[in-house]
C-alpha atoms as a PDB file:
ATOM      1  CA  MET A   1     102.061  86.720  40.554  1.00  0.00           C
ATOM      2  CA  ILE A   2     105.032  85.342  38.624  1.00  0.00           C
ATOM      3  CA  ASP A   3     106.438  88.876  38.365  1.00  0.00           C
ATOM      4  CA  PHE A   4     106.205  89.235  42.130  1.00  0.00           C
ATOM      5  CA  LEU A   5     108.003  85.922  42.731  1.00  0.00           C
ATOM      6  CA  ASN A   6     110.626  86.731  40.081  1.00  0.00           C
ATOM      7  CA  MET A   7     111.284  90.190  41.606  1.00  0.00           C
ATOM      8  CA  ASN A   8     112.876  91.674  38.480  1.00  0.00           C
ATOM      9  CA  GLY A   9     115.301  88.764  38.115  1.00  0.00           C
ATOM     10  CA  TYR A  10     116.500  88.800  41.705  1.00  0.00           C
ATOM     11  CA  GLY A  11     113.869  86.399  43.016  1.00  0.00           C
ATOM     12  CA  ILE A  12     116.188  83.394  43.120  1.00  0.00           C
ATOM     13  CA  TYR A  13     118.579  85.257  45.426  1.00  0.00           C
ATOM     14  CA  ILE A  14     115.883  86.785  47.607  1.00  0.00           C
ATOM     15  CA  TRP A  15     113.851  83.601  48.078  1.00  0.00           C
ATOM     16  CA  SER A  16     116.961  81.482  48.683  1.00  0.00           C
ATOM     17  CA  ALA A  17     118.093  83.993  51.328  1.00  0.00           C
ATOM     18  CA  TYR A  18     114.675  83.726  52.993  1.00  0.00           C
ATOM     19  CA  ALA A  19     114.860  79.930  52.870  1.00  0.00           C
ATOM     20  CA  ILE A  20     118.372  79.856  54.373  1.00  0.00           C
ATOM     21  CA  ALA A  21     117.426  82.325  57.116  1.00  0.00           C
ATOM     22  CA  PHE A  22     114.263  80.402  57.982  1.00  0.00           C
ATOM     23  CA  SER A  23     116.216  77.125  58.042  1.00  0.00           C
ATOM     24  CA  LEU A  24     118.893  78.501  60.337  1.00  0.00           C
ATOM     25  CA  ILE A  25     116.357  80.048  62.700  1.00  0.00           C
ATOM     26  CA  SER A  26     114.464  76.742  62.812  1.00  0.00           C
ATOM     27  CA  ILE A  27     117.640  74.786  63.539  1.00  0.00           C
ATOM     28  CA  LEU A  28     118.593  77.179  66.337  1.00  0.00           C
ATOM     29  CA  TYR A  29     115.108  76.996  67.818  1.00  0.00           C
ATOM     30  CA  PHE A  30     114.994  73.197  67.904  1.00  0.00           C
ATOM     31  CA  ARG A  31     118.555  72.910  69.233  1.00  0.00           C
ATOM     32  CA  SER A  32     117.687  75.383  71.994  1.00  0.00           C
ATOM     33  CA  ILE A  33     114.578  73.410  72.945  1.00  0.00           C
ATOM     34  CA  LYS A  34     116.604  70.184  73.016  1.00  0.00           C
ATOM     35  CA  GLN A  35     119.291  71.779  75.194  1.00  0.00           C
ATOM     36  CA  LEU A  36     116.653  73.236  77.517  1.00  0.00           C
ATOM     37  CA  LYS A  37     115.069  69.817  78.065  1.00  0.00           C
ATOM     38  CA  LYS A  38     118.498  68.304  78.748  1.00  0.00           C
ATOM     39  CA  LEU A  39     119.322  70.989  81.311  1.00  0.00           C
ATOM     40  CA  GLU A  40     115.919  70.615  82.973  1.00  0.00           C
ATOM     41  CA  LYS A  41     116.565  66.880  83.392  1.00  0.00           C
ATOM     42  CA  GLU A  42     119.995  67.584  84.886  1.00  0.00           C
ATOM     43  CA  ILE A  43     118.524  70.097  87.334  1.00  0.00           C
ATOM     44  CA  GLN A  44     115.792  67.668  88.321  1.00  0.00           C
ATOM     45  CA  ALA A  45     118.379  64.934  88.935  1.00  0.00           C
ATOM     46  CA  LEU A  46     120.487  67.282  91.070  1.00  0.00           C
ATOM     47  CA  GLU A  47     117.436  68.354  93.072  1.00  0.00           C
ATOM     48  CA  HIS A  48     116.474  64.720  93.612  1.00  0.00           C
ATOM     49  CA  LYS A  49     120.009  63.911  94.750  1.00  0.00           C
ATOM     50  CA  ALA A  50     120.039  66.857  97.161  1.00  0.00           C
ATOM     51  CA  ALA A  51     116.661  65.847  98.584  1.00  0.00           C
ATOM     52  CA  ALA A  52     117.860  62.276  99.075  1.00  0.00           C
ATOM     53  CA  GLU A  53     120.951  63.534 100.920  1.00  0.00           C
ATOM     54  CA  LYS A  54     118.797  65.712 103.188  1.00  0.00           C
ATOM     55  CA  ILE A  55     116.599  62.747 104.008  1.00  0.00           C
ATOM     56  CA  LYS A  56     119.659  60.602 104.712  1.00  0.00           C
ATOM     57  CA  THR A  57     121.174  63.194 107.069  1.00  0.00           C
ATOM     58  CA  ALA A  58     117.821  63.715 108.784  1.00  0.00           C
ATOM     59  CA  GLU A  59     117.434  59.968 109.320  1.00  0.00           C
ATOM     60  CA  SER A  60     120.954  59.659 110.688  1.00  0.00           C
ATOM     61  CA  SER A  61     120.444  62.552 113.102  1.00  0.00           C
ATOM     62  CA  ILE A  62     117.144  61.048 114.271  1.00  0.00           C
ATOM     63  CA  SER A  63     118.752  57.654 114.842  1.00  0.00           C
ATOM     64  CA  GLN A  64     121.609  59.265 116.790  1.00  0.00           C
ATOM     65  CA  THR A  65     119.214  61.101 119.119  1.00  0.00           C
ATOM     66  CA  ALA A  66     117.033  58.066 119.741  1.00  0.00           C
END
């Protein structure tokens, strides 16, 4: 088992490369999830604002016809 982990003396380079790659992929994944949640909140706020404007224009048109 130690021979496998040592990999003929190159184990330190191979395992550190795996650790760096895994770390970078993890960082990118969590940053992407964070950005996705932020964008979803922005979209929801814009949709809410647009719906409120539609309601306001509908109410004003109803009050003008009445």
